[in-house]
Amino acid sequence: MMRARWVSEQPQPELPTVGMAVVASWWPMTYYWLSTIQLDADSPVRRLTEAIRLNRHRESASVPEMYVTNVYRCDRIGVVRGNPLYECTYETLAEAQHGHRETLEKMREGRLKYRPIA
């Protein structure tokens, strides 16, 4: 990715959103959506996923807090298209805020390396 042409950030989002931005590339019609959100710990799917991850046979009653940063292709106003190009997870709000700022800076400077999503 080359350096960003412009960045439009959402000022002071509220949880479950940690941070959001649309980043424009110098390539025509190429935009990226960066978002960091708090995952819903009370979701049945989230509890089941955590139980499988921990190799338990029953659903986990207490699911740890979790945050995720994703980068997608999008249009100029932020309508997302396709699958995520980048994903990173965090365990605390402070880590998520730091990770979001770090990812945004890498995108601004054209240094973000997209990693395969498993």
Protein backbone atom coordinates (compact mmCIF):
# COMPACT_ATOMS: atom_id res chain seq x y z
CA MET A 1 0.00 0.00 0.00
CA MET A 2 1.29 3.48 -0.81
CA ARG A 3 0.98 6.52 1.44
CA ALA A 4 -2.53 7.75 2.13
CA ARG A 5 -3.97 10.62 0.09
CA TRP A 6 -6.35 11.54 2.93
CA VAL A 7 -7.79 10.07 6.15
CA SER A 8 -11.26 10.69 7.55
CA GLU A 9 -11.51 9.64 11.20
CA GLN A 10 -14.61 9.40 13.38
CA PRO A 11 -13.93 11.68 16.36
CA GLN A 12 -14.42 10.21 19.84
CA PRO A 13 -16.46 7.07 19.14
CA GLU A 14 -18.31 5.28 21.94
CA LEU A 15 -18.05 1.57 22.77
CA PRO A 16 -18.49 -0.90 21.17
CA THR A 17 -16.55 1.19 18.60
CA VAL A 18 -12.97 1.95 19.63
CA GLY A 19 -11.99 3.71 16.39
CA MET A 20 -13.08 4.15 12.78
CA ALA A 21 -11.53 5.73 9.69
CA VAL A 22 -11.73 5.80 5.91
CA VAL A 23 -8.30 5.96 4.26
CA ALA A 24 -7.93 7.03 0.62
CA SER A 25 -5.14 5.64 -1.51
CA TRP A 26 -3.51 7.56 -4.35
CA TRP A 27 -4.91 4.95 -6.74
CA PRO A 28 -8.22 6.23 -8.16
CA MET A 29 -11.33 4.84 -6.45
CA THR A 30 -9.27 2.91 -3.86
CA TYR A 31 -10.40 3.38 -0.26
CA TYR A 32 -9.96 1.37 2.93
CA TRP A 33 -12.21 1.09 6.00
CA LEU A 34 -10.34 0.71 9.31
CA SER A 35 -12.38 -0.17 12.37
CA THR A 36 -11.63 -1.40 15.86
CA ILE A 37 -14.58 -2.72 17.83
CA GLN A 38 -15.36 -4.48 21.09
CA LEU A 39 -16.83 -7.94 20.52
CA ASP A 40 -20.08 -8.80 22.32
CA ALA A 41 -19.08 -11.18 25.14
CA ASP A 42 -22.74 -12.11 25.79
CA SER A 43 -23.31 -13.40 22.26
CA PRO A 44 -24.04 -17.17 22.18
CA VAL A 45 -21.77 -17.53 19.14
CA ARG A 46 -18.94 -15.77 20.99
CA ARG A 47 -19.35 -18.02 24.07
CA LEU A 48 -19.41 -21.15 21.90
CA THR A 49 -16.35 -20.00 19.94
CA GLU A 50 -14.45 -19.43 23.19
CA ALA A 51 -15.47 -22.89 24.47
CA ILE A 52 -14.18 -24.51 21.26
CA ARG A 53 -10.97 -22.48 21.44
CA LEU A 54 -10.37 -23.67 25.01
CA ASN A 55 -11.31 -27.24 24.01
CA ARG A 56 -14.18 -27.48 26.49
CA HIS A 57 -17.32 -29.53 25.93
CA ARG A 58 -19.71 -26.99 27.43
CA GLU A 59 -20.19 -23.34 26.58
CA SER A 60 -17.93 -21.05 28.55
CA ALA A 61 -19.85 -19.05 31.16
CA SER A 62 -17.34 -16.20 31.38
CA VAL A 63 -15.87 -14.97 28.14
CA PRO A 64 -12.92 -12.58 28.33
CA GLU A 65 -13.23 -9.12 26.85
CA MET A 66 -11.98 -9.00 23.28
CA TYR A 67 -11.42 -6.32 20.66
CA VAL A 68 -10.69 -6.64 16.95
CA THR A 69 -9.20 -4.33 14.32
CA ASN A 70 -10.15 -4.97 10.68
CA VAL A 71 -9.27 -3.32 7.38
CA TYR A 72 -11.60 -3.72 4.39
CA ARG A 73 -11.83 -2.22 0.91
CA CYS A 74 -14.68 0.28 0.78
CA ASP A 75 -16.08 3.16 -1.25
CA ARG A 76 -15.50 6.87 -0.60
CA ILE A 77 -18.20 7.09 2.08
CA GLY A 78 -17.17 3.88 3.87
CA VAL A 79 -19.51 1.21 2.50
CA VAL A 80 -17.50 -2.00 2.97
CA ARG A 81 -16.94 -4.53 0.16
CA GLY A 82 -15.57 -8.03 0.43
CA ASN A 83 -13.61 -9.83 3.10
CA PRO A 84 -11.16 -8.28 5.58
CA LEU A 85 -7.66 -7.61 4.28
CA TYR A 86 -6.17 -7.31 7.76
CA GLU A 87 -7.22 -8.40 11.25
CA CYS A 88 -5.69 -8.11 14.70
CA THR A 89 -7.22 -8.96 18.09
CA TYR A 90 -6.61 -7.44 21.53
CA GLU A 91 -7.56 -8.39 25.09
CA THR A 92 -7.88 -4.95 26.68
CA LEU A 93 -9.32 -1.59 25.71
CA ALA A 94 -5.92 0.10 26.11
CA GLU A 95 -4.29 -2.44 23.76
CA ALA A 96 -7.11 -1.95 21.24
CA GLN A 97 -6.79 1.85 21.31
CA HIS A 98 -3.02 1.64 20.88
CA GLY A 99 -3.37 -0.99 18.13
CA HIS A 100 -5.92 1.12 16.25
CA ARG A 101 -3.68 4.22 16.34
CA GLU A 102 -0.66 2.13 15.28
CA THR A 103 -2.57 0.54 12.38
CA LEU A 104 -3.85 3.95 11.23
CA GLU A 105 -0.32 5.41 11.29
CA LYS A 106 0.99 2.47 9.26
CA MET A 107 -1.80 3.01 6.72
CA ARG A 108 -1.02 6.75 6.53
CA GLU A 109 2.63 5.97 5.85
CA GLY A 110 1.92 3.08 3.47
CA ARG A 111 3.63 0.54 5.75
CA LEU A 112 0.71 -1.73 6.67
CA LYS A 113 1.34 -5.30 5.53
CA TYR A 114 -1.89 -7.16 4.99
CA ARG A 115 -1.87 -10.57 6.61
CA PRO A 116 -4.01 -13.53 5.61
CA ILE A 117 -7.15 -13.98 7.67
CA ALA A 118 -7.39 -17.52 9.05
